[in-house]
Amino acid sequence: MNLNEAKLGTEYVITQIDTEGDEEMESFLFSLGCYSGEKITVVDKKKNLFVSIKDARYNIDPELAAAILVEE
């Protein structure tokens, strides 16, 4: 499932980053600490998603969230 489908407050493990060849998006997500094996939690959902990665919180848009594939 992608991050847009994740439940609030549940910790997930990133299984894959699927940017469909968009190297700039992949590089940006990597700079946030988003890569396979890393833990991620959706803290809040409004227009964008607020996520927690490595004790930091980020606001990401639905397009970025769709590229992050996770599992419980």
N, C-alpha and C. Protein backbone atom coordinates (compact mmCIF):
# COMPACT_ATOMS: atom_id res chain seq x y z
N MET A 1 0.85 -1.18 0.00
CA MET A 1 0.00 0.00 0.00
C MET A 1 0.89 1.24 0.00
N ASN A 2 0.36 2.33 -0.51
CA ASN A 2 1.16 3.56 -0.45
C ASN A 2 0.79 4.36 0.79
N LEU A 3 1.54 5.38 1.07
CA LEU A 3 1.40 6.13 2.32
C LEU A 3 0.06 6.86 2.42
N ASN A 4 -0.57 7.18 1.30
CA ASN A 4 -1.89 7.83 1.34
C ASN A 4 -2.94 6.94 2.00
N GLU A 5 -2.73 5.62 1.96
CA GLU A 5 -3.68 4.67 2.51
C GLU A 5 -3.38 4.28 3.96
N ALA A 6 -2.31 4.82 4.53
CA ALA A 6 -1.88 4.45 5.87
C ALA A 6 -2.81 5.03 6.94
N LYS A 7 -2.90 4.32 8.06
CA LYS A 7 -3.69 4.76 9.20
C LYS A 7 -2.88 5.73 10.04
N LEU A 8 -3.57 6.69 10.66
CA LEU A 8 -2.91 7.64 11.54
C LEU A 8 -2.31 6.92 12.74
N GLY A 9 -1.12 7.32 13.13
CA GLY A 9 -0.50 6.83 14.34
C GLY A 9 0.09 5.43 14.27
N THR A 10 -0.02 4.76 13.15
CA THR A 10 0.54 3.42 13.00
C THR A 10 1.93 3.51 12.38
N GLU A 11 2.88 2.79 12.98
CA GLU A 11 4.23 2.79 12.44
C GLU A 11 4.33 1.77 11.30
N TYR A 12 4.87 2.21 10.18
CA TYR A 12 5.04 1.37 9.00
C TYR A 12 6.52 1.29 8.65
N VAL A 13 6.86 0.31 7.84
CA VAL A 13 8.21 0.19 7.31
C VAL A 13 8.13 0.46 5.81
N ILE A 14 8.99 1.32 5.32
CA ILE A 14 9.03 1.63 3.90
C ILE A 14 9.60 0.43 3.15
N THR A 15 8.84 -0.08 2.19
CA THR A 15 9.29 -1.24 1.42
C THR A 15 9.91 -0.83 0.10
N GLN A 16 9.45 0.30 -0.44
CA GLN A 16 9.95 0.72 -1.75
C GLN A 16 9.60 2.18 -1.98
N ILE A 17 10.42 2.86 -2.75
CA ILE A 17 10.13 4.20 -3.23
C ILE A 17 9.91 4.08 -4.73
N ASP A 18 8.68 4.35 -5.18
CA ASP A 18 8.32 4.18 -6.60
C ASP A 18 8.04 5.54 -7.22
N THR A 19 9.09 6.18 -7.72
CA THR A 19 8.95 7.51 -8.31
C THR A 19 8.81 7.46 -9.83
N GLU A 20 8.71 6.26 -10.38
CA GLU A 20 8.56 6.06 -11.82
C GLU A 20 9.63 6.79 -12.62
N GLY A 21 10.87 6.70 -12.13
CA GLY A 21 12.00 7.28 -12.86
C GLY A 21 12.27 8.74 -12.58
N ASP A 22 11.52 9.38 -11.70
CA ASP A 22 11.74 10.78 -11.37
C ASP A 22 12.89 10.87 -10.35
N GLU A 23 14.10 11.07 -10.85
CA GLU A 23 15.28 11.06 -10.00
C GLU A 23 15.29 12.22 -9.00
N GLU A 24 14.73 13.36 -9.38
CA GLU A 24 14.68 14.51 -8.48
C GLU A 24 13.80 14.20 -7.27
N MET A 25 12.63 13.57 -7.52
CA MET A 25 11.73 13.22 -6.43
C MET A 25 12.38 12.15 -5.53
N GLU A 26 13.02 11.18 -6.15
CA GLU A 26 13.68 10.11 -5.38
C GLU A 26 14.80 10.68 -4.51
N SER A 27 15.56 11.60 -5.05
CA SER A 27 16.64 12.24 -4.30
C SER A 27 16.09 13.06 -3.14
N PHE A 28 14.99 13.77 -3.38
CA PHE A 28 14.37 14.57 -2.32
C PHE A 28 13.88 13.68 -1.19
N LEU A 29 13.19 12.59 -1.52
CA LEU A 29 12.69 11.67 -0.49
C LEU A 29 13.85 11.05 0.29
N PHE A 30 14.92 10.70 -0.41
CA PHE A 30 16.09 10.14 0.26
C PHE A 30 16.68 11.15 1.24
N SER A 31 16.68 12.42 0.86
CA SER A 31 17.24 13.46 1.75
C SER A 31 16.41 13.62 3.02
N LEU A 32 15.13 13.24 2.96
CA LEU A 32 14.28 13.28 4.16
C LEU A 32 14.45 12.04 5.03
N GLY A 33 15.16 11.04 4.51
CA GLY A 33 15.32 9.79 5.24
C GLY A 33 14.34 8.73 4.80
N CYS A 34 13.67 8.95 3.68
CA CYS A 34 12.70 8.00 3.13
C CYS A 34 13.42 7.02 2.21
N TYR A 35 13.67 5.82 2.69
CA TYR A 35 14.25 4.77 1.86
C TYR A 35 13.85 3.43 2.44
N SER A 36 14.01 2.38 1.67
CA SER A 36 13.58 1.04 2.07
C SER A 36 14.16 0.65 3.42
N GLY A 37 13.29 0.10 4.26
CA GLY A 37 13.70 -0.35 5.58
C GLY A 37 13.52 0.67 6.68
N GLU A 38 13.31 1.91 6.34
CA GLU A 38 13.14 2.97 7.34
C GLU A 38 11.71 2.97 7.87
N LYS A 39 11.54 3.33 9.13
CA LYS A 39 10.20 3.39 9.74
C LYS A 39 9.61 4.77 9.51
N ILE A 40 8.29 4.80 9.30
CA ILE A 40 7.57 6.05 9.04
C ILE A 40 6.19 5.97 9.68
N THR A 41 5.73 7.09 10.23
CA THR A 41 4.41 7.16 10.86
C THR A 41 3.67 8.37 10.31
N VAL A 42 2.40 8.18 9.95
CA VAL A 42 1.56 9.31 9.54
C VAL A 42 1.00 9.92 10.81
N VAL A 43 1.35 11.17 11.08
CA VAL A 43 0.95 11.85 12.29
C VAL A 43 -0.40 12.55 12.11
N ASP A 44 -0.65 13.10 10.92
CA ASP A 44 -1.90 13.82 10.66
C ASP A 44 -2.16 13.83 9.16
N LYS A 45 -3.43 13.85 8.81
CA LYS A 45 -3.84 13.95 7.40
C LYS A 45 -4.81 15.11 7.27
N LYS A 46 -4.46 16.04 6.46
CA LYS A 46 -5.37 17.13 6.08
C LYS A 46 -5.28 17.21 4.57
N LYS A 47 -4.96 18.36 4.03
CA LYS A 47 -4.72 18.45 2.59
C LYS A 47 -3.45 17.68 2.24
N ASN A 48 -2.45 17.80 3.09
CA ASN A 48 -1.19 17.07 2.95
C ASN A 48 -1.05 16.10 4.11
N LEU A 49 -0.01 15.29 4.10
CA LEU A 49 0.25 14.36 5.19
C LEU A 49 1.41 14.87 6.03
N PHE A 50 1.27 14.77 7.33
CA PHE A 50 2.34 15.07 8.24
C PHE A 50 2.91 13.73 8.69
N VAL A 51 4.18 13.50 8.42
CA VAL A 51 4.79 12.21 8.73
C VAL A 51 5.98 12.40 9.66
N SER A 52 6.26 11.34 10.40
CA SER A 52 7.41 11.31 11.28
C SER A 52 8.40 10.28 10.76
N ILE A 53 9.63 10.74 10.51
CA ILE A 53 10.72 9.89 10.05
C ILE A 53 11.95 10.24 10.89
N LYS A 54 12.52 9.25 11.56
CA LYS A 54 13.75 9.48 12.33
C LYS A 54 13.63 10.68 13.28
N ASP A 55 12.62 10.76 14.08
CA ASP A 55 12.43 11.82 15.07
C ASP A 55 12.26 13.21 14.46
N ALA A 56 11.95 13.28 13.18
CA ALA A 56 11.67 14.57 12.53
C ALA A 56 10.29 14.47 11.89
N ARG A 57 9.63 15.61 11.75
CA ARG A 57 8.31 15.63 11.13
C ARG A 57 8.35 16.45 9.85
N TYR A 58 7.64 15.93 8.84
CA TYR A 58 7.62 16.58 7.53
C TYR A 58 6.20 16.67 7.02
N ASN A 59 5.94 17.66 6.22
CA ASN A 59 4.66 17.84 5.55
C ASN A 59 4.88 17.47 4.09
N ILE A 60 4.23 16.39 3.63
CA ILE A 60 4.41 15.97 2.25
C ILE A 60 3.07 15.94 1.53
N ASP A 61 3.10 16.22 0.24
CA ASP A 61 1.87 16.25 -0.54
C ASP A 61 1.47 14.84 -0.97
N PRO A 62 0.22 14.67 -1.40
CA PRO A 62 -0.26 13.34 -1.79
C PRO A 62 0.54 12.68 -2.91
N GLU A 63 1.12 13.47 -3.82
CA GLU A 63 1.93 12.90 -4.90
C GLU A 63 3.18 12.22 -4.35
N LEU A 64 3.85 12.87 -3.40
CA LEU A 64 5.02 12.26 -2.76
C LEU A 64 4.61 11.04 -1.95
N ALA A 65 3.49 11.15 -1.23
CA ALA A 65 3.01 10.05 -0.40
C ALA A 65 2.68 8.82 -1.25
N ALA A 66 2.18 9.03 -2.46
CA ALA A 66 1.85 7.91 -3.34
C ALA A 66 3.08 7.14 -3.79
N ALA A 67 4.24 7.79 -3.77
CA ALA A 67 5.48 7.14 -4.19
C ALA A 67 6.12 6.31 -3.10
N ILE A 68 5.63 6.46 -1.87
CA ILE A 68 6.19 5.75 -0.73
C ILE A 68 5.33 4.53 -0.43
N LEU A 69 5.87 3.35 -0.69
CA LEU A 69 5.15 2.10 -0.45
C LEU A 69 5.56 1.53 0.90
N VAL A 70 4.56 1.15 1.71
CA VAL A 70 4.82 0.73 3.09
C VAL A 70 4.10 -0.56 3.43
N GLU A 71 4.53 -1.17 4.53
CA GLU A 71 3.83 -2.31 5.12
C GLU A 71 3.96 -2.20 6.63
N GLU A 72 3.01 -2.84 7.35
CA GLU A 72 3.05 -2.81 8.81
C GLU A 72 4.13 -3.69 9.34
